[in-house]
């Protein structure tokens, strides 16, 4: 399992983004969608720039949390919650 997580290709991130977006349809709170967007960004970034696996996971986490906080800061979810 660890070896798999250390050798993710760009398409793994895109599939993960699609899965997280699908999970969002069953979960309230609009959390998974921001991590889906983060996974999609990492996948598209890997097409252009090869990143070590450590940076992939750090960027995934940071982008997901930043997107979630940004969404809450601008009040985007106020109309939906």
N, C-alpha and C. Protein backbone atom coordinates (compact mmCIF):
# COMPACT_ATOMS: atom_id res chain seq x y z
N UNK A 1 0.82 -1.20 0.00
CA UNK A 1 0.00 0.00 0.00
C UNK A 1 0.86 1.25 0.00
N UNK A 2 1.91 1.25 0.81
CA UNK A 2 2.79 2.41 0.88
C UNK A 2 3.47 2.64 -0.46
N UNK A 3 3.87 1.55 -1.10
CA UNK A 3 4.52 1.67 -2.41
C UNK A 3 3.56 2.27 -3.44
N UNK A 4 2.30 1.88 -3.38
CA UNK A 4 1.30 2.44 -4.29
C UNK A 4 1.16 3.94 -4.07
N UNK A 5 1.07 4.36 -2.81
CA UNK A 5 0.90 5.78 -2.50
C UNK A 5 2.13 6.61 -2.85
N UNK A 6 3.28 5.97 -2.95
CA UNK A 6 4.50 6.67 -3.32
C UNK A 6 4.69 6.75 -4.83
N UNK A 7 3.90 5.99 -5.59
CA UNK A 7 4.08 5.95 -7.05
C UNK A 7 2.81 6.32 -7.80
N UNK A 8 2.12 7.33 -7.34
CA UNK A 8 0.89 7.74 -8.01
C UNK A 8 1.20 8.48 -9.31
N UNK A 9 0.49 8.12 -10.35
CA UNK A 9 0.61 8.79 -11.64
C UNK A 9 -0.48 9.87 -11.74
N UNK A 10 -0.41 10.65 -12.79
CA UNK A 10 -1.37 11.75 -12.95
C UNK A 10 -2.80 11.23 -13.02
N UNK A 11 -2.99 10.07 -13.66
CA UNK A 11 -4.35 9.58 -13.82
C UNK A 11 -4.92 9.05 -12.51
N UNK A 12 -4.07 8.64 -11.57
CA UNK A 12 -4.58 8.24 -10.25
C UNK A 12 -5.25 9.43 -9.57
N UNK A 13 -4.63 10.58 -9.69
CA UNK A 13 -5.19 11.79 -9.07
C UNK A 13 -6.50 12.19 -9.72
N UNK A 14 -6.59 12.04 -11.05
CA UNK A 14 -7.83 12.39 -11.74
C UNK A 14 -8.96 11.43 -11.33
N UNK A 15 -8.67 10.14 -11.24
CA UNK A 15 -9.66 9.16 -10.79
C UNK A 15 -10.06 9.47 -9.36
N UNK A 16 -9.10 9.81 -8.51
CA UNK A 16 -9.41 10.19 -7.14
C UNK A 16 -10.30 11.41 -7.07
N UNK A 17 -10.07 12.37 -7.96
CA UNK A 17 -10.91 13.58 -8.01
C UNK A 17 -12.35 13.22 -8.38
N UNK A 18 -12.50 12.34 -9.34
CA UNK A 18 -13.85 11.92 -9.76
C UNK A 18 -14.55 11.17 -8.62
N UNK A 19 -13.82 10.31 -7.93
CA UNK A 19 -14.40 9.56 -6.81
C UNK A 19 -14.82 10.52 -5.68
N UNK A 20 -13.94 11.46 -5.36
CA UNK A 20 -14.28 12.43 -4.31
C UNK A 20 -15.48 13.30 -4.71
N UNK A 21 -15.57 13.67 -5.97
CA UNK A 21 -16.71 14.46 -6.43
C UNK A 21 -17.99 13.62 -6.34
N UNK A 22 -17.90 12.33 -6.63
CA UNK A 22 -19.07 11.46 -6.50
C UNK A 22 -19.47 11.30 -5.04
N UNK A 23 -18.49 11.20 -4.16
CA UNK A 23 -18.76 11.08 -2.72
C UNK A 23 -19.48 12.33 -2.21
N UNK A 24 -19.15 13.46 -2.78
CA UNK A 24 -19.77 14.72 -2.36
C UNK A 24 -21.29 14.70 -2.56
N UNK A 25 -21.76 13.95 -3.54
CA UNK A 25 -23.20 13.90 -3.78
C UNK A 25 -23.94 13.20 -2.65
N UNK A 26 -23.24 12.39 -1.87
CA UNK A 26 -23.87 11.66 -0.77
C UNK A 26 -23.57 12.26 0.60
N UNK A 27 -22.66 13.23 0.65
CA UNK A 27 -22.27 13.84 1.93
C UNK A 27 -22.70 15.31 1.97
N UNK A 28 -23.34 15.73 3.01
CA UNK A 28 -23.63 17.16 3.14
C UNK A 28 -22.40 17.91 3.63
N UNK A 29 -22.35 19.17 3.35
CA UNK A 29 -21.30 20.01 3.92
C UNK A 29 -20.27 20.53 2.95
N UNK A 30 -20.26 20.09 1.73
CA UNK A 30 -19.34 20.59 0.70
C UNK A 30 -17.88 20.57 1.16
N UNK A 31 -17.43 19.42 1.60
CA UNK A 31 -16.03 19.26 2.00
C UNK A 31 -15.26 18.48 0.94
N UNK A 32 -15.82 17.35 0.52
CA UNK A 32 -15.11 16.48 -0.41
C UNK A 32 -14.88 17.14 -1.76
N UNK A 33 -15.75 18.06 -2.16
CA UNK A 33 -15.61 18.68 -3.48
C UNK A 33 -14.33 19.51 -3.56
N UNK A 34 -13.92 20.10 -2.45
CA UNK A 34 -12.70 20.91 -2.47
C UNK A 34 -11.46 20.02 -2.55
N UNK A 35 -11.53 18.87 -1.93
CA UNK A 35 -10.42 17.93 -2.06
C UNK A 35 -10.43 17.27 -3.43
N UNK A 36 -11.61 17.14 -4.03
CA UNK A 36 -11.69 16.65 -5.41
C UNK A 36 -11.02 17.66 -6.36
N UNK A 37 -11.29 18.93 -6.15
CA UNK A 37 -10.65 19.96 -6.97
C UNK A 37 -9.14 19.95 -6.75
N UNK A 38 -8.74 19.76 -5.52
CA UNK A 38 -7.32 19.70 -5.20
C UNK A 38 -6.65 18.51 -5.90
N UNK A 39 -7.30 17.36 -5.89
CA UNK A 39 -6.75 16.18 -6.56
C UNK A 39 -6.68 16.41 -8.07
N UNK A 40 -7.67 17.07 -8.64
CA UNK A 40 -7.65 17.37 -10.07
C UNK A 40 -6.50 18.30 -10.42
N UNK A 41 -6.27 19.29 -9.58
CA UNK A 41 -5.15 20.22 -9.82
C UNK A 41 -3.82 19.47 -9.77
N UNK A 42 -3.66 18.59 -8.80
CA UNK A 42 -2.42 17.82 -8.69
C UNK A 42 -2.25 16.93 -9.93
N UNK A 43 -3.33 16.28 -10.35
CA UNK A 43 -3.27 15.43 -11.54
C UNK A 43 -2.86 16.21 -12.78
N UNK A 44 -3.46 17.38 -12.97
CA UNK A 44 -3.11 18.20 -14.13
C UNK A 44 -1.70 18.76 -14.02
N UNK A 45 -1.29 19.07 -12.81
CA UNK A 45 0.07 19.56 -12.61
C UNK A 45 1.10 18.47 -12.93
N UNK A 46 0.79 17.23 -12.59
CA UNK A 46 1.71 16.13 -12.87
C UNK A 46 1.87 15.85 -14.36
N UNK A 47 0.89 16.24 -15.15
CA UNK A 47 1.02 16.09 -16.60
C UNK A 47 2.15 16.98 -17.11
N UNK A 48 2.31 18.14 -16.48
CA UNK A 48 3.28 19.14 -16.93
C UNK A 48 4.61 19.03 -16.19
N UNK A 49 4.53 18.86 -14.87
CA UNK A 49 5.73 18.90 -14.03
C UNK A 49 5.80 17.63 -13.19
N UNK A 50 6.87 16.87 -13.30
CA UNK A 50 7.00 15.70 -12.41
C UNK A 50 7.33 16.14 -10.98
N UNK A 51 6.51 15.73 -10.05
CA UNK A 51 6.71 16.10 -8.64
C UNK A 51 7.01 14.85 -7.83
N UNK A 52 7.87 14.96 -6.83
CA UNK A 52 8.06 13.82 -5.92
C UNK A 52 6.77 13.54 -5.14
N UNK A 53 6.62 12.32 -4.71
CA UNK A 53 5.38 11.93 -4.05
C UNK A 53 5.11 12.74 -2.78
N UNK A 54 6.17 13.15 -2.09
CA UNK A 54 5.97 13.94 -0.87
C UNK A 54 5.30 15.27 -1.19
N UNK A 55 5.74 15.92 -2.25
CA UNK A 55 5.15 17.19 -2.66
C UNK A 55 3.72 17.01 -3.15
N UNK A 56 3.47 15.90 -3.81
CA UNK A 56 2.10 15.64 -4.28
C UNK A 56 1.12 15.62 -3.10
N UNK A 57 1.49 14.89 -2.05
CA UNK A 57 0.59 14.77 -0.90
C UNK A 57 0.49 16.07 -0.11
N UNK A 58 1.60 16.77 0.04
CA UNK A 58 1.56 18.05 0.75
C UNK A 58 0.71 19.06 -0.01
N UNK A 59 0.91 19.16 -1.32
CA UNK A 59 0.11 20.09 -2.12
C UNK A 59 -1.36 19.72 -2.12
N UNK A 60 -1.64 18.42 -2.17
CA UNK A 60 -3.04 17.97 -2.12
C UNK A 60 -3.70 18.44 -0.83
N UNK A 61 -3.04 18.23 0.29
CA UNK A 61 -3.61 18.62 1.58
C UNK A 61 -3.74 20.13 1.70
N UNK A 62 -2.69 20.85 1.32
CA UNK A 62 -2.71 22.31 1.46
C UNK A 62 -3.76 22.92 0.54
N UNK A 63 -3.81 22.50 -0.71
CA UNK A 63 -4.81 23.04 -1.64
C UNK A 63 -6.23 22.74 -1.19
N UNK A 64 -6.45 21.55 -0.67
CA UNK A 64 -7.78 21.19 -0.20
C UNK A 64 -8.23 22.04 0.99
N UNK A 65 -7.34 22.22 1.95
CA UNK A 65 -7.69 23.02 3.13
C UNK A 65 -7.85 24.49 2.75
N UNK A 66 -6.95 25.02 1.92
CA UNK A 66 -7.05 26.42 1.49
C UNK A 66 -8.35 26.65 0.73
N UNK A 67 -8.71 25.74 -0.16
CA UNK A 67 -9.96 25.89 -0.92
C UNK A 67 -11.17 25.86 0.00
N UNK A 68 -11.14 24.97 0.99
CA UNK A 68 -12.24 24.89 1.93
C UNK A 68 -12.37 26.17 2.75
N UNK A 69 -11.24 26.67 3.24
CA UNK A 69 -11.27 27.91 4.02
C UNK A 69 -11.68 29.10 3.17
N UNK A 70 -11.20 29.16 1.93
CA UNK A 70 -11.56 30.25 1.04
C UNK A 70 -13.06 30.24 0.76
N UNK A 71 -13.60 29.05 0.56
CA UNK A 71 -15.03 28.91 0.31
C UNK A 71 -15.83 29.42 1.50
N UNK A 72 -15.40 29.10 2.69
CA UNK A 72 -16.09 29.57 3.89
C UNK A 72 -15.92 31.06 4.11
N UNK A 73 -14.75 31.59 3.74
CA UNK A 73 -14.47 33.01 3.96
C UNK A 73 -15.31 33.90 3.06
N UNK A 74 -15.58 33.46 1.84
CA UNK A 74 -16.36 34.31 0.94
C UNK A 74 -17.86 34.08 1.09
N UNK A 75 -18.23 33.15 1.94
CA UNK A 75 -19.65 32.89 2.20
C UNK A 75 -20.35 32.17 1.07
N UNK A 76 -19.61 31.42 0.28
CA UNK A 76 -20.18 30.70 -0.86
C UNK A 76 -21.25 29.71 -0.43
N UNK A 77 -21.04 29.08 0.69
CA UNK A 77 -21.97 28.03 1.12
C UNK A 77 -23.17 28.56 1.91
N UNK A 78 -23.19 29.84 2.21
CA UNK A 78 -24.30 30.38 3.02
C UNK A 78 -25.66 30.15 2.37
N UNK A 79 -25.71 30.18 1.05
CA UNK A 79 -26.98 29.99 0.35
C UNK A 79 -27.40 28.53 0.33
N UNK A 80 -26.46 27.62 0.53
CA UNK A 80 -26.75 26.20 0.39
C UNK A 80 -26.92 25.46 1.71
N UNK A 81 -26.46 26.01 2.79
CA UNK A 81 -26.53 25.32 4.08
C UNK A 81 -27.70 25.79 4.91
